[in-house]
């Protein structure tokens, strides 16, 4: 495990794959629209998604070579998507009963 965290590229790739997997899980639960499970899973998955994405973004700064910029951009886009979705959820929370 110690060798894994010393390699910034592996951590960044694992973080990106985990983020994409969690996005798919969120969309899957939303499409199934099971009300009780969806609300509970969102409360569990979103903090994990935020932490994983921030971890990958920080580790992207330590990547050497030409691969640094694409990983920084991908993690930044992921953080923007999370922030935007939280903003939209908070904005429309009391929109309809």
N, C-alpha and C. Protein backbone atom coordinates (compact mmCIF):
# COMPACT_ATOMS: atom_id res chain seq x y z
N UNK A 1 0.82 -1.19 0.00
CA UNK A 1 0.00 0.00 0.00
C UNK A 1 0.87 1.25 0.00
N UNK A 2 2.01 1.18 0.67
CA UNK A 2 2.91 2.32 0.72
C UNK A 2 3.47 2.67 -0.65
N UNK A 3 3.76 1.65 -1.46
CA UNK A 3 4.26 1.90 -2.81
C UNK A 3 3.18 2.51 -3.69
N UNK A 4 1.93 2.16 -3.44
CA UNK A 4 0.82 2.69 -4.24
C UNK A 4 0.71 4.20 -4.06
N UNK A 5 0.78 4.69 -2.83
CA UNK A 5 0.63 6.11 -2.57
C UNK A 5 1.87 6.92 -2.94
N UNK A 6 2.98 6.26 -3.16
CA UNK A 6 4.19 6.96 -3.60
C UNK A 6 4.17 7.24 -5.10
N UNK A 7 3.38 6.50 -5.84
CA UNK A 7 3.28 6.70 -7.29
C UNK A 7 2.06 7.56 -7.58
N UNK A 8 2.28 8.83 -7.88
CA UNK A 8 1.19 9.79 -8.07
C UNK A 8 0.31 9.43 -9.27
N UNK A 9 0.90 8.89 -10.32
CA UNK A 9 0.12 8.54 -11.51
C UNK A 9 -0.88 7.43 -11.20
N UNK A 10 -0.46 6.41 -10.47
CA UNK A 10 -1.37 5.32 -10.12
C UNK A 10 -2.51 5.80 -9.22
N UNK A 11 -2.20 6.66 -8.27
CA UNK A 11 -3.23 7.19 -7.39
C UNK A 11 -4.22 8.04 -8.17
N UNK A 12 -3.72 8.84 -9.09
CA UNK A 12 -4.59 9.70 -9.89
C UNK A 12 -5.49 8.87 -10.81
N UNK A 13 -4.95 7.84 -11.41
CA UNK A 13 -5.76 6.96 -12.27
C UNK A 13 -6.81 6.23 -11.45
N UNK A 14 -6.41 5.70 -10.31
CA UNK A 14 -7.37 5.00 -9.44
C UNK A 14 -8.47 5.94 -8.97
N UNK A 15 -8.11 7.17 -8.66
CA UNK A 15 -9.10 8.15 -8.24
C UNK A 15 -10.07 8.48 -9.37
N UNK A 16 -9.55 8.62 -10.56
CA UNK A 16 -10.41 8.92 -11.71
C UNK A 16 -11.36 7.77 -12.00
N UNK A 17 -10.87 6.54 -11.94
CA UNK A 17 -11.72 5.37 -12.18
C UNK A 17 -12.79 5.25 -11.09
N UNK A 18 -12.40 5.50 -9.85
CA UNK A 18 -13.36 5.45 -8.75
C UNK A 18 -14.41 6.53 -8.89
N UNK A 19 -14.00 7.72 -9.29
CA UNK A 19 -14.96 8.81 -9.49
C UNK A 19 -15.97 8.48 -10.58
N UNK A 20 -15.49 7.95 -11.68
CA UNK A 20 -16.38 7.59 -12.79
C UNK A 20 -17.34 6.48 -12.35
N UNK A 21 -16.83 5.52 -11.60
CA UNK A 21 -17.68 4.43 -11.10
C UNK A 21 -18.76 4.98 -10.17
N UNK A 22 -18.41 5.89 -9.30
CA UNK A 22 -19.39 6.46 -8.38
C UNK A 22 -20.42 7.31 -9.13
N UNK A 23 -19.99 8.03 -10.18
CA UNK A 23 -20.96 8.76 -11.01
C UNK A 23 -21.95 7.80 -11.65
N UNK A 24 -21.47 6.68 -12.16
CA UNK A 24 -22.36 5.69 -12.78
C UNK A 24 -23.32 5.12 -11.75
N UNK A 25 -22.84 4.86 -10.54
CA UNK A 25 -23.72 4.34 -9.48
C UNK A 25 -24.80 5.35 -9.14
N UNK A 26 -24.43 6.63 -9.04
CA UNK A 26 -25.42 7.67 -8.74
C UNK A 26 -26.46 7.75 -9.84
N UNK A 27 -26.03 7.75 -11.09
CA UNK A 27 -26.97 7.81 -12.20
C UNK A 27 -27.84 6.57 -12.25
N UNK A 28 -27.26 5.41 -11.96
CA UNK A 28 -28.03 4.18 -11.93
C UNK A 28 -29.12 4.19 -10.87
N UNK A 29 -28.77 4.65 -9.67
CA UNK A 29 -29.78 4.75 -8.62
C UNK A 29 -30.84 5.78 -8.97
N UNK A 30 -30.44 6.87 -9.64
CA UNK A 30 -31.41 7.88 -10.04
C UNK A 30 -32.37 7.33 -11.08
N UNK A 31 -31.84 6.58 -12.05
CA UNK A 31 -32.70 6.01 -13.08
C UNK A 31 -33.64 4.95 -12.52
N UNK A 32 -33.18 4.20 -11.53
CA UNK A 32 -34.06 3.23 -10.88
C UNK A 32 -35.09 3.94 -10.02
N UNK A 33 -34.73 5.11 -9.55
CA UNK A 33 -35.57 6.00 -8.74
C UNK A 33 -36.30 5.28 -7.61
N UNK A 34 -35.57 4.49 -6.89
CA UNK A 34 -36.10 3.89 -5.68
C UNK A 34 -35.90 4.94 -4.59
N UNK A 35 -36.96 5.55 -4.14
CA UNK A 35 -36.89 6.75 -3.31
C UNK A 35 -36.11 6.55 -2.02
N UNK A 36 -36.37 5.50 -1.28
CA UNK A 36 -35.69 5.31 0.00
C UNK A 36 -34.20 5.03 -0.18
N UNK A 37 -33.89 4.21 -1.13
CA UNK A 37 -32.49 3.84 -1.36
C UNK A 37 -31.72 5.01 -1.97
N UNK A 38 -32.33 5.75 -2.88
CA UNK A 38 -31.64 6.84 -3.57
C UNK A 38 -31.17 7.91 -2.60
N UNK A 39 -32.05 8.35 -1.71
CA UNK A 39 -31.67 9.39 -0.76
C UNK A 39 -30.57 8.95 0.18
N UNK A 40 -30.65 7.73 0.65
CA UNK A 40 -29.64 7.21 1.56
C UNK A 40 -28.30 7.03 0.85
N UNK A 41 -28.33 6.48 -0.35
CA UNK A 41 -27.09 6.26 -1.09
C UNK A 41 -26.41 7.56 -1.48
N UNK A 42 -27.19 8.58 -1.82
CA UNK A 42 -26.60 9.87 -2.16
C UNK A 42 -25.87 10.45 -0.96
N UNK A 43 -26.45 10.31 0.21
CA UNK A 43 -25.81 10.84 1.42
C UNK A 43 -24.51 10.10 1.74
N UNK A 44 -24.38 8.88 1.28
CA UNK A 44 -23.16 8.10 1.51
C UNK A 44 -22.16 8.31 0.38
N UNK A 45 -22.62 8.30 -0.86
CA UNK A 45 -21.73 8.32 -2.02
C UNK A 45 -21.11 9.69 -2.27
N UNK A 46 -21.86 10.77 -2.12
CA UNK A 46 -21.35 12.10 -2.46
C UNK A 46 -20.14 12.51 -1.62
N UNK A 47 -20.13 12.34 -0.31
CA UNK A 47 -18.89 12.68 0.42
C UNK A 47 -17.69 11.84 0.00
N UNK A 48 -17.92 10.56 -0.28
CA UNK A 48 -16.83 9.70 -0.75
C UNK A 48 -16.34 10.19 -2.10
N UNK A 49 -17.27 10.56 -2.98
CA UNK A 49 -16.92 11.07 -4.30
C UNK A 49 -16.11 12.36 -4.20
N UNK A 50 -16.50 13.24 -3.32
CA UNK A 50 -15.77 14.50 -3.13
C UNK A 50 -14.35 14.23 -2.63
N UNK A 51 -14.22 13.37 -1.63
CA UNK A 51 -12.90 13.08 -1.08
C UNK A 51 -11.98 12.40 -2.09
N UNK A 52 -12.52 11.46 -2.83
CA UNK A 52 -11.71 10.75 -3.83
C UNK A 52 -11.26 11.70 -4.93
N UNK A 53 -12.14 12.58 -5.36
CA UNK A 53 -11.80 13.52 -6.42
C UNK A 53 -10.76 14.53 -5.95
N UNK A 54 -10.91 15.03 -4.73
CA UNK A 54 -9.91 15.97 -4.20
C UNK A 54 -8.55 15.28 -4.04
N UNK A 55 -8.56 14.03 -3.57
CA UNK A 55 -7.31 13.28 -3.44
C UNK A 55 -6.63 13.11 -4.80
N UNK A 56 -7.40 12.75 -5.81
CA UNK A 56 -6.84 12.61 -7.15
C UNK A 56 -6.33 13.92 -7.71
N UNK A 57 -7.05 15.02 -7.44
CA UNK A 57 -6.63 16.34 -7.91
C UNK A 57 -5.31 16.74 -7.28
N UNK A 58 -5.17 16.51 -5.98
CA UNK A 58 -3.92 16.86 -5.29
C UNK A 58 -2.76 16.00 -5.80
N UNK A 59 -3.00 14.71 -5.97
CA UNK A 59 -1.94 13.84 -6.48
C UNK A 59 -1.59 14.14 -7.93
N UNK A 60 -2.48 14.75 -8.68
CA UNK A 60 -2.19 15.10 -10.07
C UNK A 60 -1.10 16.15 -10.17
N UNK A 61 -0.94 16.97 -9.14
CA UNK A 61 0.13 17.97 -9.17
C UNK A 61 1.51 17.33 -9.09
N UNK A 62 1.61 16.12 -8.59
CA UNK A 62 2.89 15.46 -8.41
C UNK A 62 3.25 14.52 -9.56
N UNK A 63 2.41 14.45 -10.59
CA UNK A 63 2.72 13.63 -11.76
C UNK A 63 3.77 14.35 -12.58
N UNK A 64 4.74 13.59 -13.04
CA UNK A 64 5.80 14.16 -13.88
C UNK A 64 5.53 13.81 -15.33
N UNK A 65 5.84 14.72 -16.21
CA UNK A 65 5.70 14.46 -17.64
C UNK A 65 4.49 15.13 -18.23
N UNK A 66 4.18 14.68 -19.45
CA UNK A 66 3.09 15.26 -20.21
C UNK A 66 1.71 14.85 -19.71
N UNK A 67 1.64 13.86 -18.86
CA UNK A 67 0.35 13.36 -18.38
C UNK A 67 -0.24 14.22 -17.26
N UNK A 68 0.50 15.19 -16.79
CA UNK A 68 0.05 16.01 -15.66
C UNK A 68 -1.17 16.85 -16.03
N UNK A 69 -1.11 17.54 -17.14
CA UNK A 69 -2.18 18.48 -17.54
C UNK A 69 -3.51 17.76 -17.78
N UNK A 70 -3.56 16.66 -18.54
CA UNK A 70 -4.86 16.00 -18.74
C UNK A 70 -5.50 15.51 -17.44
N UNK A 71 -4.69 14.99 -16.52
CA UNK A 71 -5.26 14.52 -15.26
C UNK A 71 -5.74 15.69 -14.40
N UNK A 72 -5.00 16.79 -14.40
CA UNK A 72 -5.47 17.98 -13.68
C UNK A 72 -6.80 18.47 -14.25
N UNK A 73 -6.90 18.51 -15.55
CA UNK A 73 -8.14 18.97 -16.19
C UNK A 73 -9.30 18.03 -15.89
N UNK A 74 -9.08 16.72 -16.00
CA UNK A 74 -10.15 15.76 -15.73
C UNK A 74 -10.63 15.83 -14.28
N UNK A 75 -9.71 15.94 -13.35
CA UNK A 75 -10.12 16.04 -11.94
C UNK A 75 -10.80 17.37 -11.66
N UNK A 76 -10.34 18.44 -12.31
CA UNK A 76 -10.98 19.74 -12.14
C UNK A 76 -12.40 19.72 -12.68
N UNK A 77 -12.59 19.09 -13.83
CA UNK A 77 -13.94 18.97 -14.40
C UNK A 77 -14.84 18.17 -13.47
N UNK A 78 -14.30 17.13 -12.88
CA UNK A 78 -15.08 16.33 -11.94
C UNK A 78 -15.49 17.15 -10.72
N UNK A 79 -14.56 17.95 -10.19
CA UNK A 79 -14.89 18.81 -9.05
C UNK A 79 -15.94 19.85 -9.43
N UNK A 80 -15.85 20.40 -10.65
CA UNK A 80 -16.85 21.37 -11.10
C UNK A 80 -18.22 20.71 -11.25
N UNK A 81 -18.25 19.48 -11.73
CA UNK A 81 -19.53 18.78 -11.89
C UNK A 81 -20.16 18.51 -10.53
N UNK A 82 -19.35 18.12 -9.56
CA UNK A 82 -19.87 17.88 -8.21
C UNK A 82 -20.40 19.18 -7.62
N UNK A 83 -19.63 20.25 -7.75
CA UNK A 83 -20.06 21.54 -7.20
C UNK A 83 -21.34 22.03 -7.86
N UNK A 84 -21.43 21.89 -9.17
CA UNK A 84 -22.62 22.34 -9.89
C UNK A 84 -23.84 21.52 -9.50
N UNK A 85 -23.67 20.22 -9.36
CA UNK A 85 -24.82 19.38 -9.00
C UNK A 85 -25.29 19.66 -7.58
N UNK A 86 -24.36 19.94 -6.67
CA UNK A 86 -24.75 20.30 -5.31
C UNK A 86 -25.47 21.65 -5.31
N UNK A 87 -25.01 22.59 -6.12
CA UNK A 87 -25.67 23.90 -6.23
C UNK A 87 -27.08 23.75 -6.78
N UNK A 88 -27.24 22.94 -7.82
CA UNK A 88 -28.56 22.72 -8.42
C UNK A 88 -29.48 22.02 -7.41
N UNK A 89 -28.97 21.05 -6.70
CA UNK A 89 -29.79 20.33 -5.72
C UNK A 89 -30.24 21.27 -4.61
N UNK A 90 -29.36 22.15 -4.16
CA UNK A 90 -29.73 23.09 -3.11
C UNK A 90 -30.71 24.14 -3.64
N UNK A 91 -30.56 24.54 -4.89
CA UNK A 91 -31.43 25.56 -5.47
C UNK A 91 -32.84 25.06 -5.66
N UNK A 92 -32.98 23.82 -6.09
CA UNK A 92 -34.30 23.29 -6.39
C UNK A 92 -34.88 22.44 -5.26
N UNK A 93 -34.30 22.54 -4.09
CA UNK A 93 -34.75 21.71 -2.97
C UNK A 93 -36.21 22.01 -2.60
N UNK A 94 -36.60 23.24 -2.55
CA UNK A 94 -37.97 23.61 -2.18
C UNK A 94 -38.78 24.08 -3.38
N UNK A 95 -38.37 23.68 -4.57
CA UNK A 95 -39.04 24.15 -5.79
C UNK A 95 -40.42 23.54 -5.97
N UNK A 96 -40.55 22.26 -5.72
CA UNK A 96 -41.84 21.60 -5.88
C UNK A 96 -42.10 20.72 -4.66
N UNK A 97 -43.34 20.63 -4.26
CA UNK A 97 -43.65 19.80 -3.08
C UNK A 97 -43.60 18.31 -3.38
